[in-house]
Amino acid sequence: MPRVRFRVSASWMDQVIEVDYWKRTSIIGIVIGFLGILYLLYHELTAKKWKTCWRLGVIEALQKTSSCIVS
């Protein structure tokens, strides 16, 4: 039985590599954006906590301990 060989043109390979590159780049961008949003949320929540502790005059807040919990 004869073997069937497929010819692959260079333009087809370039197209596949280009599509993979853009998929990978977009996924990396989405992940970095998601991590950035998480960081901003964390920063906002902790900043409000420390500002509230500062207003209450808690000394532990100056030492940045976790004993200041405000509901």
C-alpha atoms as a PDB file:
ATOM      1  CA  MET A   1       0.000   0.000   0.000  1.00  0.00           C
ATOM      2  CA  PRO A   2       1.563   3.311  -1.025  1.00  0.00           C
ATOM      3  CA  ARG A   3       2.137   5.997   1.538  1.00  0.00           C
ATOM      4  CA  VAL A   4       0.222   9.198   1.159  1.00  0.00           C
ATOM      5  CA  ARG A   5       2.305  12.265   1.770  1.00  0.00           C
ATOM      6  CA  PHE A   6       0.866  15.671   2.386  1.00  0.00           C
ATOM      7  CA  ARG A   7       2.684  18.745   1.316  1.00  0.00           C
ATOM      8  CA  VAL A   8       2.596  21.567   3.790  1.00  0.00           C
ATOM      9  CA  SER A   9       3.249  25.001   2.458  1.00  0.00           C
ATOM     10  CA  ALA A  10       5.266  27.497   4.427  1.00  0.00           C
ATOM     11  CA  SER A  11       2.415  30.014   4.411  1.00  0.00           C
ATOM     12  CA  TRP A  12       0.114  27.503   6.123  1.00  0.00           C
ATOM     13  CA  MET A  13       2.727  26.888   8.841  1.00  0.00           C
ATOM     14  CA  ASP A  14       3.189  30.619   9.332  1.00  0.00           C
ATOM     15  CA  GLN A  15      -0.551  31.040   9.705  1.00  0.00           C
ATOM     16  CA  VAL A  16      -0.761  28.307  12.360  1.00  0.00           C
ATOM     17  CA  ILE A  17       2.166  29.757  14.298  1.00  0.00           C
ATOM     18  CA  GLU A  18       0.643  33.229  14.083  1.00  0.00           C
ATOM     19  CA  VAL A  19      -2.750  32.030  15.371  1.00  0.00           C
ATOM     20  CA  ASP A  20      -1.086  30.166  18.250  1.00  0.00           C
ATOM     21  CA  TYR A  21       0.961  33.266  19.071  1.00  0.00           C
ATOM     22  CA  TRP A  22      -2.095  35.521  19.261  1.00  0.00           C
ATOM     23  CA  LYS A  23      -4.061  32.979  21.305  1.00  0.00           C
ATOM     24  CA  ARG A  24      -1.198  32.651  23.760  1.00  0.00           C
ATOM     25  CA  THR A  25      -0.711  36.410  23.924  1.00  0.00           C
ATOM     26  CA  SER A  26      -4.400  37.051  24.557  1.00  0.00           C
ATOM     27  CA  ILE A  27      -4.549  34.427  27.307  1.00  0.00           C
ATOM     28  CA  ILE A  28      -1.487  35.932  28.989  1.00  0.00           C
ATOM     29  CA  GLY A  29      -3.072  39.392  28.735  1.00  0.00           C
ATOM     30  CA  ILE A  30      -6.313  38.183  30.293  1.00  0.00           C
ATOM     31  CA  VAL A  31      -4.439  36.506  33.159  1.00  0.00           C
ATOM     32  CA  ILE A  32      -2.339  39.612  33.825  1.00  0.00           C
ATOM     33  CA  GLY A  33      -5.470  41.783  33.759  1.00  0.00           C
ATOM     34  CA  PHE A  34      -7.264  39.460  36.187  1.00  0.00           C
ATOM     35  CA  LEU A  35      -4.292  39.495  38.566  1.00  0.00           C
ATOM     36  CA  GLY A  36      -4.191  43.286  38.333  1.00  0.00           C
ATOM     37  CA  ILE A  37      -7.862  43.537  39.275  1.00  0.00           C
ATOM     38  CA  LEU A  38      -7.301  41.195  42.225  1.00  0.00           C
ATOM     39  CA  TYR A  39      -4.344  43.314  43.362  1.00  0.00           C
ATOM     40  CA  LEU A  40      -6.368  46.524  43.153  1.00  0.00           C
ATOM     41  CA  LEU A  41      -9.230  44.975  45.133  1.00  0.00           C
ATOM     42  CA  TYR A  42      -6.810  43.707  47.781  1.00  0.00           C
ATOM     43  CA  HIS A  43      -5.090  47.082  47.982  1.00  0.00           C
ATOM     44  CA  GLU A  44      -8.411  48.912  48.269  1.00  0.00           C
ATOM     45  CA  LEU A  45      -9.735  46.621  50.996  1.00  0.00           C
ATOM     46  CA  THR A  46      -6.565  46.740  53.088  1.00  0.00           C
ATOM     47  CA  ALA A  47      -6.192  50.507  52.627  1.00  0.00           C
ATOM     48  CA  LYS A  48      -9.712  51.079  53.967  1.00  0.00           C
ATOM     49  CA  LYS A  49      -8.999  48.787  56.900  1.00  0.00           C
ATOM     50  CA  TRP A  50      -5.833  50.645  57.864  1.00  0.00           C
ATOM     51  CA  LYS A  51      -7.478  54.055  57.381  1.00  0.00           C
ATOM     52  CA  THR A  52     -10.307  53.014  59.700  1.00  0.00           C
ATOM     53  CA  CYS A  53      -7.814  51.790  62.277  1.00  0.00           C
ATOM     54  CA  TRP A  54      -5.919  55.060  61.973  1.00  0.00           C
ATOM     55  CA  ARG A  55      -9.100  57.043  62.655  1.00  0.00           C
ATOM     56  CA  LEU A  56      -9.770  54.938  65.734  1.00  0.00           C
ATOM     57  CA  GLY A  57      -6.270  55.659  66.978  1.00  0.00           C
ATOM     58  CA  VAL A  58      -5.257  52.041  67.402  1.00  0.00           C
ATOM     59  CA  ILE A  59      -1.534  51.750  68.074  1.00  0.00           C
ATOM     60  CA  GLU A  60      -1.362  48.295  66.516  1.00  0.00           C
ATOM     61  CA  ALA A  61      -2.237  49.805  63.154  1.00  0.00           C
ATOM     62  CA  LEU A  62       0.956  51.835  63.250  1.00  0.00           C
ATOM     63  CA  GLN A  63       2.924  48.654  63.812  1.00  0.00           C
ATOM     64  CA  LYS A  64       0.960  46.984  60.987  1.00  0.00           C
ATOM     65  CA  THR A  65      -0.204  44.036  63.036  1.00  0.00           C
ATOM     66  CA  SER A  66      -3.324  42.106  62.196  1.00  0.00           C
ATOM     67  CA  SER A  67      -4.905  42.656  65.617  1.00  0.00           C
ATOM     68  CA  CYS A  68      -6.968  45.610  64.369  1.00  0.00           C
ATOM     69  CA  ILE A  69     -10.194  44.170  63.009  1.00  0.00           C
ATOM     70  CA  VAL A  70     -12.998  46.567  62.180  1.00  0.00           C
ATOM     71  CA  SER A  71     -16.396  45.282  61.160  1.00  0.00           C
END
